[in-house]
Amino acid sequence: MKVHLIEGPENAGKSSLIYAQYRRIMNTNQYKLVENHSPQSLDDFIYLIQHTETEKCILFNSATDTFPCIHRMEQFYNTFKRVYNIVTVVSSNRDINSHAGKHKRVRNFANNIITYSSDLIITDLTKLHNNI
């Protein structure tokens, strides 16, 4: 499984970037939404989408800035990994210096992690777009 982490400080646009990528991929009409946890704001969403032909799935998660958010993502993933072939996870992560414990827990989620800095949001958007 490949994990893409968008890293940066609070209010840097991490969740907005993840949501934009989710919408971009859904607009291709090659994926369908199969599971979700979607409250009323961009602050706390999880979308699991499945390719209509290959059945490979991408999990989009907005928040990993608190231990409950990380736990919710882990539970969501563990619940649905038995049902769906989740090959990619796209999530956010606060800066390593200010949230070291949380950062380590997110990083322990998978071995193949690609990180993007929200400081370079335009460059990273292109990289993320090309790698999902």
N, C-alpha and C. Protein backbone atom coordinates (compact mmCIF):
# COMPACT_ATOMS: atom_id res chain seq x y z
N MET A 1 0.85 -1.18 0.00
CA MET A 1 0.00 0.00 0.00
C MET A 1 0.88 1.24 0.00
N LYS A 2 0.48 2.22 -0.77
CA LYS A 2 1.19 3.49 -0.84
C LYS A 2 0.42 4.53 -0.03
N VAL A 3 1.13 5.29 0.80
CA VAL A 3 0.51 6.34 1.61
C VAL A 3 1.11 7.68 1.21
N HIS A 4 0.24 8.63 0.88
CA HIS A 4 0.66 10.00 0.56
C HIS A 4 0.27 10.86 1.75
N LEU A 5 1.25 11.49 2.40
CA LEU A 5 0.98 12.38 3.53
C LEU A 5 1.24 13.82 3.13
N ILE A 6 0.25 14.66 3.31
CA ILE A 6 0.38 16.09 3.10
C ILE A 6 0.72 16.68 4.46
N GLU A 7 1.93 17.18 4.62
CA GLU A 7 2.38 17.68 5.91
C GLU A 7 2.43 19.20 5.94
N GLY A 8 2.13 19.76 7.09
CA GLY A 8 2.21 21.20 7.25
C GLY A 8 1.52 21.66 8.51
N PRO A 9 1.62 22.94 8.80
CA PRO A 9 1.03 23.49 10.02
C PRO A 9 -0.49 23.60 9.89
N GLU A 10 -1.12 23.93 11.00
CA GLU A 10 -2.56 24.14 11.03
C GLU A 10 -2.96 25.23 10.03
N ASN A 11 -4.09 25.03 9.37
CA ASN A 11 -4.66 25.98 8.40
C ASN A 11 -3.78 26.23 7.19
N ALA A 12 -2.99 25.24 6.79
CA ALA A 12 -2.13 25.39 5.61
C ALA A 12 -2.83 24.96 4.33
N GLY A 13 -4.00 24.32 4.44
CA GLY A 13 -4.72 23.88 3.26
C GLY A 13 -4.58 22.39 2.97
N LYS A 14 -4.14 21.63 3.93
CA LYS A 14 -3.93 20.18 3.73
C LYS A 14 -5.24 19.47 3.39
N SER A 15 -6.26 19.68 4.18
CA SER A 15 -7.55 19.02 3.93
C SER A 15 -8.17 19.48 2.62
N SER A 16 -8.03 20.75 2.31
CA SER A 16 -8.56 21.26 1.03
C SER A 16 -7.87 20.60 -0.14
N LEU A 17 -6.57 20.41 -0.05
CA LEU A 17 -5.81 19.74 -1.10
C LEU A 17 -6.28 18.29 -1.26
N ILE A 18 -6.45 17.60 -0.15
CA ILE A 18 -6.90 16.21 -0.20
C ILE A 18 -8.30 16.13 -0.80
N TYR A 19 -9.19 17.02 -0.39
CA TYR A 19 -10.55 17.03 -0.94
C TYR A 19 -10.53 17.34 -2.44
N ALA A 20 -9.69 18.26 -2.85
CA ALA A 20 -9.58 18.59 -4.29
C ALA A 20 -9.13 17.37 -5.10
N GLN A 21 -8.22 16.60 -4.56
CA GLN A 21 -7.76 15.40 -5.26
C GLN A 21 -8.87 14.35 -5.30
N TYR A 22 -9.60 14.21 -4.22
CA TYR A 22 -10.75 13.30 -4.21
C TYR A 22 -11.75 13.69 -5.30
N ARG A 23 -12.11 14.98 -5.36
CA ARG A 23 -13.07 15.46 -6.37
C ARG A 23 -12.52 15.27 -7.79
N ARG A 24 -11.23 15.57 -7.98
CA ARG A 24 -10.61 15.40 -9.30
C ARG A 24 -10.74 13.96 -9.78
N ILE A 25 -10.43 13.03 -8.90
CA ILE A 25 -10.50 11.61 -9.29
C ILE A 25 -11.94 11.17 -9.50
N MET A 26 -12.86 11.62 -8.66
CA MET A 26 -14.27 11.25 -8.83
C MET A 26 -14.82 11.81 -10.14
N ASN A 27 -14.34 12.96 -10.56
CA ASN A 27 -14.81 13.57 -11.81
C ASN A 27 -14.36 12.82 -13.06
N THR A 28 -13.44 11.88 -12.92
CA THR A 28 -13.03 11.07 -14.08
C THR A 28 -14.08 10.02 -14.43
N ASN A 29 -15.03 9.80 -13.52
CA ASN A 29 -16.06 8.77 -13.67
C ASN A 29 -15.48 7.36 -13.77
N GLN A 30 -14.25 7.18 -13.28
CA GLN A 30 -13.64 5.85 -13.25
C GLN A 30 -13.71 5.23 -11.86
N TYR A 31 -14.19 6.01 -10.89
CA TYR A 31 -14.28 5.55 -9.51
C TYR A 31 -15.68 5.76 -8.98
N LYS A 32 -16.02 4.94 -7.99
CA LYS A 32 -17.29 5.12 -7.29
C LYS A 32 -17.00 5.17 -5.79
N LEU A 33 -17.80 5.93 -5.07
CA LEU A 33 -17.69 6.01 -3.62
C LEU A 33 -18.29 4.75 -3.03
N VAL A 34 -17.50 4.03 -2.20
CA VAL A 34 -18.01 2.79 -1.63
C VAL A 34 -18.25 2.88 -0.12
N GLU A 35 -17.49 3.71 0.58
CA GLU A 35 -17.68 3.91 2.02
C GLU A 35 -17.26 5.32 2.35
N ASN A 36 -17.82 5.89 3.43
CA ASN A 36 -17.37 7.21 3.83
C ASN A 36 -17.76 7.54 5.27
N HIS A 37 -17.03 8.46 5.81
CA HIS A 37 -17.36 9.14 7.07
C HIS A 37 -17.24 10.61 6.70
N SER A 38 -18.37 11.27 6.54
CA SER A 38 -18.34 12.61 5.97
C SER A 38 -19.22 13.57 6.75
N PRO A 39 -18.66 14.25 7.74
CA PRO A 39 -19.44 15.27 8.44
C PRO A 39 -19.62 16.51 7.57
N GLN A 40 -20.15 17.54 8.13
CA GLN A 40 -20.51 18.73 7.37
C GLN A 40 -19.35 19.61 6.94
N SER A 41 -18.14 19.36 7.41
CA SER A 41 -17.03 20.24 7.06
C SER A 41 -15.87 19.45 6.48
N LEU A 42 -14.91 20.16 5.94
CA LEU A 42 -13.70 19.53 5.41
C LEU A 42 -12.74 19.11 6.50
N ASP A 43 -13.05 19.42 7.74
CA ASP A 43 -12.12 19.16 8.83
C ASP A 43 -11.96 17.70 9.19
N ASP A 44 -12.90 16.85 8.81
CA ASP A 44 -12.90 15.50 9.35
C ASP A 44 -13.63 14.53 8.42
N PHE A 45 -13.11 14.29 7.24
CA PHE A 45 -13.77 13.37 6.33
C PHE A 45 -12.89 12.16 6.02
N ILE A 46 -13.55 11.07 5.67
CA ILE A 46 -12.87 9.89 5.14
C ILE A 46 -13.72 9.41 3.97
N TYR A 47 -13.11 9.26 2.80
CA TYR A 47 -13.79 8.71 1.63
C TYR A 47 -13.00 7.51 1.13
N LEU A 48 -13.69 6.43 0.84
CA LEU A 48 -13.08 5.26 0.23
C LEU A 48 -13.72 5.08 -1.13
N ILE A 49 -12.89 5.19 -2.16
CA ILE A 49 -13.40 5.08 -3.53
C ILE A 49 -12.78 3.86 -4.21
N GLN A 50 -13.53 3.30 -5.16
CA GLN A 50 -13.10 2.08 -5.84
C GLN A 50 -13.12 2.28 -7.35
N HIS A 51 -12.04 1.85 -8.01
CA HIS A 51 -11.97 1.92 -9.47
C HIS A 51 -13.01 0.95 -10.03
N THR A 52 -13.77 1.41 -11.00
CA THR A 52 -14.90 0.62 -11.50
C THR A 52 -14.46 -0.63 -12.27
N GLU A 53 -13.23 -0.64 -12.79
CA GLU A 53 -12.76 -1.83 -13.52
C GLU A 53 -11.81 -2.69 -12.69
N THR A 54 -10.78 -2.08 -12.11
CA THR A 54 -9.77 -2.86 -11.39
C THR A 54 -10.20 -3.20 -9.96
N GLU A 55 -11.17 -2.46 -9.42
CA GLU A 55 -11.65 -2.59 -8.05
C GLU A 55 -10.61 -2.21 -7.00
N LYS A 56 -9.49 -1.59 -7.43
CA LYS A 56 -8.51 -1.07 -6.47
C LYS A 56 -9.09 0.18 -5.83
N CYS A 57 -8.76 0.38 -4.54
CA CYS A 57 -9.37 1.48 -3.79
C CYS A 57 -8.35 2.49 -3.31
N ILE A 58 -8.84 3.73 -3.17
CA ILE A 58 -8.07 4.83 -2.60
C ILE A 58 -8.86 5.36 -1.40
N LEU A 59 -8.17 5.53 -0.28
CA LEU A 59 -8.77 6.08 0.92
C LEU A 59 -8.27 7.51 1.08
N PHE A 60 -9.18 8.47 1.13
CA PHE A 60 -8.86 9.88 1.37
C PHE A 60 -9.27 10.22 2.79
N ASN A 61 -8.32 10.71 3.58
CA ASN A 61 -8.58 11.06 4.98
C ASN A 61 -8.09 12.47 5.23
N SER A 62 -8.92 13.30 5.84
CA SER A 62 -8.52 14.70 6.02
C SER A 62 -7.67 14.94 7.26
N ALA A 63 -8.10 14.47 8.40
CA ALA A 63 -7.47 14.93 9.64
C ALA A 63 -6.66 13.84 10.34
N THR A 64 -5.42 14.17 10.69
CA THR A 64 -4.62 13.31 11.57
C THR A 64 -3.90 14.18 12.58
N ASP A 65 -4.57 15.22 13.05
CA ASP A 65 -3.93 16.16 13.98
C ASP A 65 -4.23 15.84 15.44
N THR A 66 -5.08 14.87 15.71
CA THR A 66 -5.33 14.43 17.08
C THR A 66 -5.32 12.91 17.09
N PHE A 67 -5.06 12.34 18.27
CA PHE A 67 -5.06 10.89 18.38
C PHE A 67 -6.42 10.28 18.04
N PRO A 68 -7.56 10.90 18.44
CA PRO A 68 -8.85 10.33 18.02
C PRO A 68 -9.02 10.30 16.49
N CYS A 69 -8.53 11.31 15.79
CA CYS A 69 -8.63 11.33 14.32
C CYS A 69 -7.79 10.20 13.72
N ILE A 70 -6.59 10.01 14.26
CA ILE A 70 -5.72 8.94 13.78
C ILE A 70 -6.37 7.59 14.06
N HIS A 71 -6.91 7.44 15.26
CA HIS A 71 -7.57 6.19 15.64
C HIS A 71 -8.77 5.91 14.72
N ARG A 72 -9.55 6.94 14.42
CA ARG A 72 -10.71 6.78 13.53
C ARG A 72 -10.27 6.30 12.15
N MET A 73 -9.17 6.88 11.62
CA MET A 73 -8.67 6.45 10.32
C MET A 73 -8.20 5.00 10.38
N GLU A 74 -7.49 4.64 11.44
CA GLU A 74 -7.02 3.26 11.59
C GLU A 74 -8.19 2.28 11.67
N GLN A 75 -9.22 2.64 12.44
CA GLN A 75 -10.40 1.78 12.55
C GLN A 75 -11.11 1.64 11.21
N PHE A 76 -11.28 2.76 10.52
CA PHE A 76 -11.92 2.75 9.20
C PHE A 76 -11.14 1.84 8.26
N TYR A 77 -9.83 2.04 8.21
CA TYR A 77 -8.98 1.22 7.34
C TYR A 77 -9.07 -0.25 7.73
N ASN A 78 -8.93 -0.56 9.01
CA ASN A 78 -8.95 -1.95 9.45
C ASN A 78 -10.30 -2.62 9.20
N THR A 79 -11.37 -1.87 9.28
CA THR A 79 -12.70 -2.41 9.00
C THR A 79 -12.85 -2.77 7.53
N PHE A 80 -12.37 -1.90 6.65
CA PHE A 80 -12.65 -2.09 5.23
C PHE A 80 -11.53 -2.75 4.43
N LYS A 81 -10.35 -2.94 5.03
CA LYS A 81 -9.27 -3.59 4.28
C LYS A 81 -9.60 -5.06 4.01
N ARG A 82 -10.48 -5.64 4.78
CA ARG A 82 -10.88 -7.03 4.57
C ARG A 82 -11.90 -7.15 3.43
N VAL A 83 -12.56 -6.04 3.14
CA VAL A 83 -13.63 -6.04 2.14
C VAL A 83 -13.14 -5.50 0.79
N TYR A 84 -12.27 -4.48 0.85
CA TYR A 84 -11.82 -3.79 -0.35
C TYR A 84 -10.30 -3.86 -0.48
N ASN A 85 -9.82 -3.80 -1.71
CA ASN A 85 -8.39 -3.80 -2.00
C ASN A 85 -7.87 -2.35 -1.94
N ILE A 86 -7.54 -1.88 -0.75
CA ILE A 86 -7.07 -0.51 -0.56
C ILE A 86 -5.58 -0.47 -0.90
N VAL A 87 -5.25 0.20 -1.99
CA VAL A 87 -3.86 0.25 -2.45
C VAL A 87 -3.20 1.59 -2.18
N THR A 88 -4.02 2.63 -1.93
CA THR A 88 -3.48 3.98 -1.72
C THR A 88 -4.26 4.68 -0.61
N VAL A 89 -3.53 5.38 0.24
CA VAL A 89 -4.13 6.23 1.26
C VAL A 89 -3.57 7.64 1.08
N VAL A 90 -4.43 8.64 1.09
CA VAL A 90 -4.03 10.04 1.03
C VAL A 90 -4.53 10.69 2.31
N SER A 91 -3.61 11.26 3.10
CA SER A 91 -3.99 11.82 4.38
C SER A 91 -3.13 13.02 4.70
N SER A 92 -3.51 13.73 5.75
CA SER A 92 -2.74 14.88 6.21
C SER A 92 -1.93 14.51 7.44
N ASN A 93 -0.99 15.35 7.78
CA ASN A 93 -0.21 15.17 8.99
C ASN A 93 0.37 16.51 9.38
N ARG A 94 0.20 16.88 10.65
CA ARG A 94 0.79 18.13 11.12
C ARG A 94 2.31 18.03 11.10
N ASP A 95 2.98 19.16 11.14
CA ASP A 95 4.44 19.19 11.14
C ASP A 95 5.04 18.29 12.20
N ILE A 96 6.12 17.63 11.86
CA ILE A 96 6.78 16.69 12.76
C ILE A 96 7.24 17.35 14.05
N ASN A 97 7.74 18.56 14.01
CA ASN A 97 8.32 19.19 15.19
C ASN A 97 7.29 19.48 16.27
N SER A 98 6.07 19.80 15.88
CA SER A 98 5.07 20.18 16.87
C SER A 98 4.20 19.02 17.34
N HIS A 99 4.18 17.92 16.63
CA HIS A 99 3.32 16.80 16.98
C HIS A 99 4.05 15.47 16.77
N ALA A 100 5.21 15.32 17.39
CA ALA A 100 6.08 14.17 17.13
C ALA A 100 5.40 12.83 17.39
N GLY A 101 4.66 12.70 18.48
CA GLY A 101 4.01 11.43 18.79
C GLY A 101 2.97 11.04 17.77
N LYS A 102 2.17 12.02 17.36
CA LYS A 102 1.14 11.76 16.36
C LYS A 102 1.78 11.45 15.02
N HIS A 103 2.82 12.20 14.69
CA HIS A 103 3.53 12.01 13.43
C HIS A 103 4.04 10.57 13.34
N LYS A 104 4.64 10.08 14.41
CA LYS A 104 5.18 8.72 14.43
C LYS A 104 4.07 7.70 14.24
N ARG A 105 2.93 7.91 14.89
CA ARG A 105 1.82 6.96 14.77
C ARG A 105 1.29 6.92 13.35
N VAL A 106 1.16 8.06 12.70
CA VAL A 106 0.72 8.08 11.30
C VAL A 106 1.74 7.38 10.43
N ARG A 107 3.01 7.65 10.65
CA ARG A 107 4.07 7.02 9.86
C ARG A 107 4.13 5.52 10.06
N ASN A 108 3.73 5.01 11.22
CA ASN A 108 3.72 3.58 11.46
C ASN A 108 2.57 2.87 10.76
N PHE A 109 1.68 3.65 10.18
CA PHE A 109 0.50 3.10 9.50
C PHE A 109 0.88 2.24 8.30
N ALA A 110 1.98 2.58 7.62
CA ALA A 110 2.40 1.84 6.42
C ALA A 110 3.88 2.04 6.18
N ASN A 111 4.45 1.20 5.36
CA ASN A 111 5.88 1.27 5.05
C ASN A 111 6.20 2.19 3.88
N ASN A 112 5.35 2.23 2.88
CA ASN A 112 5.62 2.98 1.65
C ASN A 112 4.95 4.35 1.73
N ILE A 113 5.64 5.33 2.34
CA ILE A 113 5.05 6.65 2.56
C ILE A 113 5.75 7.69 1.69
N ILE A 114 4.96 8.50 1.02
CA ILE A 114 5.44 9.63 0.24
C ILE A 114 4.92 10.88 0.93
N THR A 115 5.81 11.80 1.27
CA THR A 115 5.37 13.01 1.97
C THR A 115 5.45 14.22 1.05
N TYR A 116 4.56 15.16 1.30
CA TYR A 116 4.48 16.41 0.56
C TYR A 116 4.39 17.53 1.57
N SER A 117 5.09 18.61 1.34
CA SER A 117 5.03 19.75 2.23
C SER A 117 3.98 20.73 1.74
N SER A 118 3.11 21.17 2.63
CA SER A 118 2.09 22.13 2.22
C SER A 118 2.72 23.49 1.91
N ASP A 119 3.98 23.69 2.26
CA ASP A 119 4.67 24.93 1.88
C ASP A 119 4.83 25.04 0.37
N LEU A 120 4.84 23.90 -0.29
CA LEU A 120 5.01 23.87 -1.74
C LEU A 120 3.73 23.31 -2.38
N ILE A 121 2.62 23.88 -2.00
CA ILE A 121 1.32 23.32 -2.33
C ILE A 121 1.11 23.16 -3.84
N ILE A 122 1.53 24.09 -4.66
CA ILE A 122 1.32 23.98 -6.11
C ILE A 122 2.18 22.86 -6.69
N THR A 123 3.45 22.83 -6.31
CA THR A 123 4.33 21.77 -6.78
C THR A 123 3.83 20.42 -6.30
N ASP A 124 3.46 20.35 -5.03
CA ASP A 124 3.02 19.10 -4.46
C ASP A 124 1.71 18.62 -5.07
N LEU A 125 0.83 19.55 -5.42
CA LEU A 125 -0.42 19.17 -6.07
C LEU A 125 -0.13 18.45 -7.37
N THR A 126 0.84 18.93 -8.14
CA THR A 126 1.22 18.28 -9.39
C THR A 126 1.82 16.90 -9.11
N LYS A 127 2.70 16.82 -8.12
CA LYS A 127 3.29 15.52 -7.77
C LYS A 127 2.21 14.55 -7.31
N LEU A 128 1.33 15.01 -6.43
CA LEU A 128 0.28 14.15 -5.92
C LEU A 128 -0.63 13.71 -7.06
N HIS A 129 -1.01 14.63 -7.91
CA HIS A 129 -1.87 14.33 -9.06
C HIS A 129 -1.26 13.23 -9.92
N ASN A 130 0.05 13.29 -10.13
CA ASN A 130 0.73 12.33 -11.00
C ASN A 130 0.99 10.99 -10.33
N ASN A 131 0.94 10.93 -9.00
CA ASN A 131 1.32 9.71 -8.29
C ASN A 131 0.15 8.88 -7.78
N ILE A 132 -1.04 9.44 -7.75
CA ILE A 132 -2.18 8.65 -7.23
C ILE A 132 -2.65 7.70 -8.32
